[in-house]
Protein backbone atom coordinates (compact mmCIF):
# COMPACT_ATOMS: atom_id res chain seq x y z
CA MET A 1 -18.44 -10.19 -17.53
CA ASP A 2 -15.95 -12.69 -18.98
CA ALA A 3 -12.42 -13.18 -17.69
CA GLU A 4 -10.76 -11.53 -20.67
CA SER A 5 -12.67 -8.28 -20.28
CA SER A 6 -11.19 -7.82 -16.79
CA LEU A 7 -7.57 -8.30 -17.83
CA PRO A 8 -5.45 -5.22 -17.04
CA GLY A 9 -4.55 -4.71 -20.68
CA ARG A 10 -8.22 -4.61 -21.60
CA VAL A 11 -8.94 -2.22 -18.74
CA TRP A 12 -6.43 0.34 -19.96
CA GLY A 13 -6.63 -0.32 -23.66
CA ARG A 14 -10.33 -0.03 -24.42
CA GLU A 15 -12.21 3.14 -25.25
CA ARG A 16 -15.02 4.26 -22.96
CA PRO A 17 -18.25 5.84 -24.17
CA THR A 18 -18.84 9.54 -23.60
CA PRO A 19 -21.07 9.89 -20.53
CA ARG A 20 -24.65 10.74 -21.33
CA ARG A 21 -26.13 13.98 -20.08
CA GLN A 22 -26.20 14.02 -16.26
CA ALA A 23 -24.63 10.56 -16.13
CA PRO A 24 -21.61 10.19 -13.82
CA THR A 25 -18.23 10.29 -15.54
CA VAL A 26 -15.71 7.49 -15.04
CA GLY A 27 -13.69 9.86 -12.88
CA ARG A 28 -16.69 10.54 -10.68
CA ILE A 29 -17.44 6.82 -10.39
CA VAL A 30 -13.85 6.15 -9.31
CA GLU A 31 -13.86 9.08 -6.88
CA ALA A 32 -17.08 7.88 -5.21
CA SER A 33 -15.75 4.32 -5.05
CA ILE A 34 -12.55 5.43 -3.32
CA ALA A 35 -14.51 7.49 -0.80
CA LEU A 36 -16.73 4.50 -0.06
CA ALA A 37 -13.81 2.09 0.38
CA ASP A 38 -11.96 4.57 2.60
CA ALA A 39 -14.99 5.05 4.83
CA GLU A 40 -16.37 1.52 5.04
CA GLY A 41 -13.78 -0.89 3.61
CA LEU A 42 -13.76 -3.03 0.50
CA ASP A 43 -16.56 -5.25 1.72
CA ALA A 44 -18.94 -2.33 1.21
CA LEU A 45 -17.80 -1.75 -2.38
CA SER A 46 -20.21 -2.92 -5.05
CA MET A 47 -21.48 -1.49 -8.31
CA ARG A 48 -24.96 -1.26 -6.80
CA ARG A 49 -23.73 0.67 -3.76
CA VAL A 50 -21.61 3.07 -5.82
CA ALA A 51 -24.57 3.72 -8.11
CA ALA A 52 -26.76 4.47 -5.10
CA ASP A 53 -24.18 6.88 -3.68
CA LEU A 54 -24.08 8.65 -7.03
CA GLY A 55 -27.86 8.68 -7.37
CA SER A 56 -27.58 6.70 -10.57
CA GLY A 57 -28.84 3.38 -11.87
CA THR A 58 -26.52 0.39 -11.57
CA THR A 59 -27.00 -0.46 -15.24
CA SER A 60 -25.72 2.95 -16.31
CA LEU A 61 -22.45 2.36 -14.45
CA TYR A 62 -21.83 -0.80 -16.43
CA ARG A 63 -21.73 1.29 -19.61
CA TYR A 64 -18.46 2.82 -18.42
CA VAL A 65 -16.97 0.21 -16.04
CA THR A 66 -17.42 -3.50 -16.74
CA GLY A 67 -17.48 -4.60 -13.11
CA ARG A 68 -15.90 -4.50 -9.67
CA ASP A 69 -12.50 -5.87 -10.77
CA GLU A 70 -12.10 -3.18 -13.39
CA LEU A 71 -13.31 -0.59 -10.92
CA LEU A 72 -10.58 -1.64 -8.49
CA GLU A 73 -7.94 -1.28 -11.21
CA LEU A 74 -9.14 2.25 -11.89
CA MET A 75 -9.28 3.10 -8.18
CA VAL A 76 -5.73 1.90 -7.54
CA ASP A 77 -4.31 3.87 -10.43
CA ALA A 78 -6.20 7.00 -9.44
CA ILE A 79 -4.78 6.79 -5.91
CA VAL A 80 -1.24 6.17 -7.14
CA GLY A 81 -1.67 9.26 -9.28
CA GLU A 82 -2.45 11.40 -6.23
CA THR A 83 1.27 12.07 -5.87
CA GLU A 84 4.07 12.57 -8.35
CA PRO A 85 7.43 10.83 -7.90
CA ALA A 86 10.06 13.19 -6.54
CA PRO A 87 12.92 14.00 -8.94
CA LEU A 88 15.84 11.62 -8.58
CA THR A 89 18.76 13.05 -6.63
CA GLY A 90 21.45 10.65 -7.80
CA ASP A 91 21.56 9.05 -4.34
CA TRP A 92 19.86 5.66 -4.70
CA ARG A 93 19.45 5.22 -0.96
CA ALA A 94 17.78 8.60 -0.45
CA ASP A 95 15.57 8.14 -3.51
CA LEU A 96 14.34 4.68 -2.51
CA ALA A 97 13.72 5.90 1.04
CA ALA A 98 11.69 8.85 -0.24
CA MET A 99 9.70 6.50 -2.45
CA ALA A 100 8.96 4.20 0.49
CA ARG A 101 7.87 7.08 2.72
CA GLY A 102 5.56 8.43 0.05
CA HIS A 103 3.95 5.07 -0.53
CA ARG A 104 3.54 4.56 3.22
CA GLU A 105 1.56 7.79 3.46
CA THR A 106 -0.62 6.68 0.56
CA LEU A 107 -1.32 3.27 2.10
CA LEU A 108 -2.25 4.87 5.41
CA ARG A 109 -4.67 7.26 3.69
CA HIS A 110 -6.36 4.31 2.00
CA PRO A 111 -6.18 1.35 4.44
CA TRP A 112 -7.74 -1.11 1.96
CA LEU A 113 -5.19 -0.39 -0.77
CA GLY A 114 -2.39 -2.66 0.44
CA ALA A 115 -4.52 -5.79 0.24
CA VAL A 116 -5.53 -5.01 -3.33
CA MET A 117 -1.99 -4.24 -4.50
CA ALA A 118 -0.65 -7.40 -2.88
CA THR A 119 -2.65 -9.64 -5.21
CA ARG A 120 -1.65 -8.49 -8.70
CA PRO A 121 0.66 -5.73 -9.96
CA ALA A 122 -1.04 -2.46 -10.86
CA LEU A 123 -0.52 -1.69 -14.54
CA GLY A 124 -2.32 1.60 -15.08
CA PRO A 125 -0.45 4.65 -16.43
CA ASN A 126 0.14 6.21 -13.00
CA SER A 127 1.31 2.90 -11.57
CA LEU A 128 3.67 2.33 -14.50
CA ARG A 129 5.10 5.83 -14.08
CA HIS A 130 5.85 5.17 -10.42
CA MET A 131 7.36 1.78 -11.25
CA GLU A 132 9.56 3.38 -13.88
CA HIS A 133 10.72 5.90 -11.29
CA ALA A 134 11.46 3.19 -8.71
CA LEU A 135 13.48 1.14 -11.19
CA ALA A 136 15.41 4.24 -12.22
CA ALA A 137 16.18 4.93 -8.56
CA ALA A 138 17.46 1.40 -8.04
CA GLY A 139 19.31 1.69 -11.35
CA GLN A 140 21.56 4.25 -9.69
CA LEU A 141 22.80 1.38 -7.53
CA THR A 142 23.20 -1.26 -10.23
CA SER A 143 22.93 -1.52 -14.00
CA ASP A 144 21.65 -5.09 -13.63
CA ILE A 145 17.89 -4.72 -14.21
CA THR A 146 17.16 -8.05 -12.51
CA LEU A 147 18.96 -6.91 -9.40
CA ALA A 148 17.37 -3.46 -9.57
CA ALA A 149 13.92 -5.04 -9.83
CA GLY A 150 14.73 -7.27 -6.88
CA VAL A 151 15.70 -4.28 -4.77
CA VAL A 152 12.46 -2.47 -5.66
CA ALA A 153 10.45 -5.59 -4.80
CA LEU A 154 12.31 -5.95 -1.51
CA VAL A 155 11.52 -2.36 -0.51
CA GLY A 156 7.90 -2.91 -1.55
CA ASP A 157 7.63 -6.07 0.53
CA TYR A 158 9.06 -4.30 3.57
CA LEU A 159 6.67 -1.40 3.05
CA ALA A 160 3.65 -3.70 2.82
CA GLY A 161 4.58 -5.58 5.96
CA ALA A 162 5.41 -2.49 8.00
CA VAL A 163 2.26 -0.62 7.06
CA SER A 164 0.01 -3.64 7.58
CA ARG A 165 0.55 -3.37 11.34
CA GLU A 166 -0.52 0.27 11.36
CA VAL A 167 -3.54 -0.49 9.22
CA ALA A 168 -4.48 -3.43 11.46
CA GLU A 169 -4.34 -1.18 14.50
CA GLN A 170 -6.58 1.36 12.78
CA GLU A 171 -9.04 -1.41 11.94
CA ALA A 172 -8.97 -2.74 15.51
CA GLN A 173 -9.73 0.72 16.86
CA ARG A 174 -12.58 1.12 14.39
CA ARG A 175 -13.98 -2.33 15.18
CA THR A 176 -13.69 -2.20 18.98
CA GLY A 177 -13.89 1.51 19.60
CA LEU A 178 -10.82 1.21 21.86
CA THR A 179 -7.76 3.38 21.41
CA GLU A 180 -4.27 1.92 21.92
CA GLU A 181 -4.15 3.52 25.37
CA GLN A 182 -7.52 2.07 26.36
CA TRP A 183 -6.49 -1.39 25.14
CA ARG A 184 -3.27 -1.22 27.17
CA ALA A 185 -5.20 -0.18 30.26
CA GLY A 186 -7.46 -3.19 29.78
CA VAL A 187 -4.63 -5.74 29.53
CA GLY A 188 -2.53 -3.99 32.21
CA PRO A 189 -3.49 -6.28 35.13
CA TYR A 190 -2.69 -9.41 33.11
CA ILE A 191 0.67 -8.02 31.97
CA ARG A 192 1.57 -7.21 35.58
CA GLU A 193 0.85 -10.83 36.52
CA VAL A 194 3.09 -12.05 33.69
CA ILE A 195 5.94 -9.78 34.80
CA GLU A 196 5.59 -10.73 38.48
CA SER A 197 5.69 -14.43 37.62
CA GLY A 198 9.34 -14.08 36.60
CA ALA A 199 8.83 -16.62 33.80
CA TYR A 200 9.53 -14.16 31.00
CA PRO A 201 12.44 -11.92 32.06
CA GLN A 202 13.21 -10.48 28.61
CA PHE A 203 9.57 -9.67 27.98
CA ALA A 204 9.46 -8.03 31.40
CA ARG A 205 12.47 -5.89 30.49
CA ARG A 206 10.77 -4.95 27.24
CA VAL A 207 7.68 -3.75 29.11
CA VAL A 208 9.42 -2.03 32.01
CA GLU A 209 12.62 -0.62 30.51
CA ALA A 210 12.12 -0.15 26.78
CA ARG A 211 10.79 3.07 25.28
CA ASP A 212 7.79 2.57 23.06
CA GLN A 213 8.59 3.67 19.54
CA THR A 214 6.02 5.29 17.30
CA HIS A 215 5.01 3.55 14.10
CA GLY A 216 7.01 6.15 12.21
CA GLU A 217 10.15 5.48 14.24
CA ARG A 218 9.87 1.73 13.73
CA PHE A 219 9.32 2.25 10.03
CA GLU A 220 12.41 4.44 9.69
CA PHE A 221 14.55 2.02 11.71
CA GLY A 222 13.52 -0.94 9.57
CA LEU A 223 13.95 1.01 6.34
CA ALA A 224 17.45 2.10 7.34
CA CYS A 225 18.41 -1.49 8.20
CA LEU A 226 16.97 -2.75 4.92
CA LEU A 227 18.82 -0.23 2.77
CA GLU A 228 22.02 -0.84 4.71
CA GLY A 229 21.66 -4.53 3.93
CA VAL A 230 21.04 -3.76 0.27
CA ALA A 231 24.20 -1.66 0.18
CA ALA A 232 26.24 -4.34 1.92
CA THR A 233 25.01 -7.02 -0.47
CA CYS A 234 24.97 -5.15 -3.78
CA VAL A 235 27.78 -2.62 -3.45
CA SER A 236 30.18 -5.20 -2.02
CA GLY A 237 29.45 -7.49 -4.96
CA ALA A 238 27.98 -10.26 -2.79
CA ALA A 239 25.01 -10.48 -5.14
CA GLY A 240 25.55 -12.12 -8.53
CA PRO A 241 24.29 -10.81 -11.88
CA THR A 242 20.88 -12.36 -11.30
CA GLY A 243 20.54 -10.97 -7.79
CA ALA A 244 21.34 -14.29 -6.09
CA ALA A 245 23.97 -14.40 -3.43
């Protein structure tokens, strides 16, 4: 497969042959690929493996999907299309928060998705529809499209970073077989030694006095702080017409 054939525009612009009798459809290929990636991670994803899971020949898959890169494009867009953007309320803060929460749920359902979306922007029809919705939500805050795009990117960056910790914890549990509680029990004696040493008083306070927040609570706290900062910067006029302070 040459580089041009894997370009996003080629992925979404070209016609696909009608599946032969008993051959898997493109939708079925994508569905099986998502199930495989969800269960075993992206390292397990290959055209050969997907064909085997479908009980089909690898060559037949290449009639409908040119390769792994194109398959990933189709998978991402199919997942984004699992949910529809909620109607805009006219409250930019509420709408961007709802968007972030929805995308968080999607990323947690498909732990491999964040790494794929962090490399290149998704440009399929479902992805474009969600991007249009996000820009319209930010457009309720500012008519400056550069600034609106910057706000959407900022929320996306926060979302990716916040969810990556949850996904990493899921992966650690899968890899080690240890739950969070079991891991804490294992490091407990060492942590007690650190606290008793008196060398790290603030860390000791964190362990002894602080309430452990859930991932959801931390996410909501960070999101609220982020949107408050956006309001303080954009609504007050601290950001210029290009989004620079």
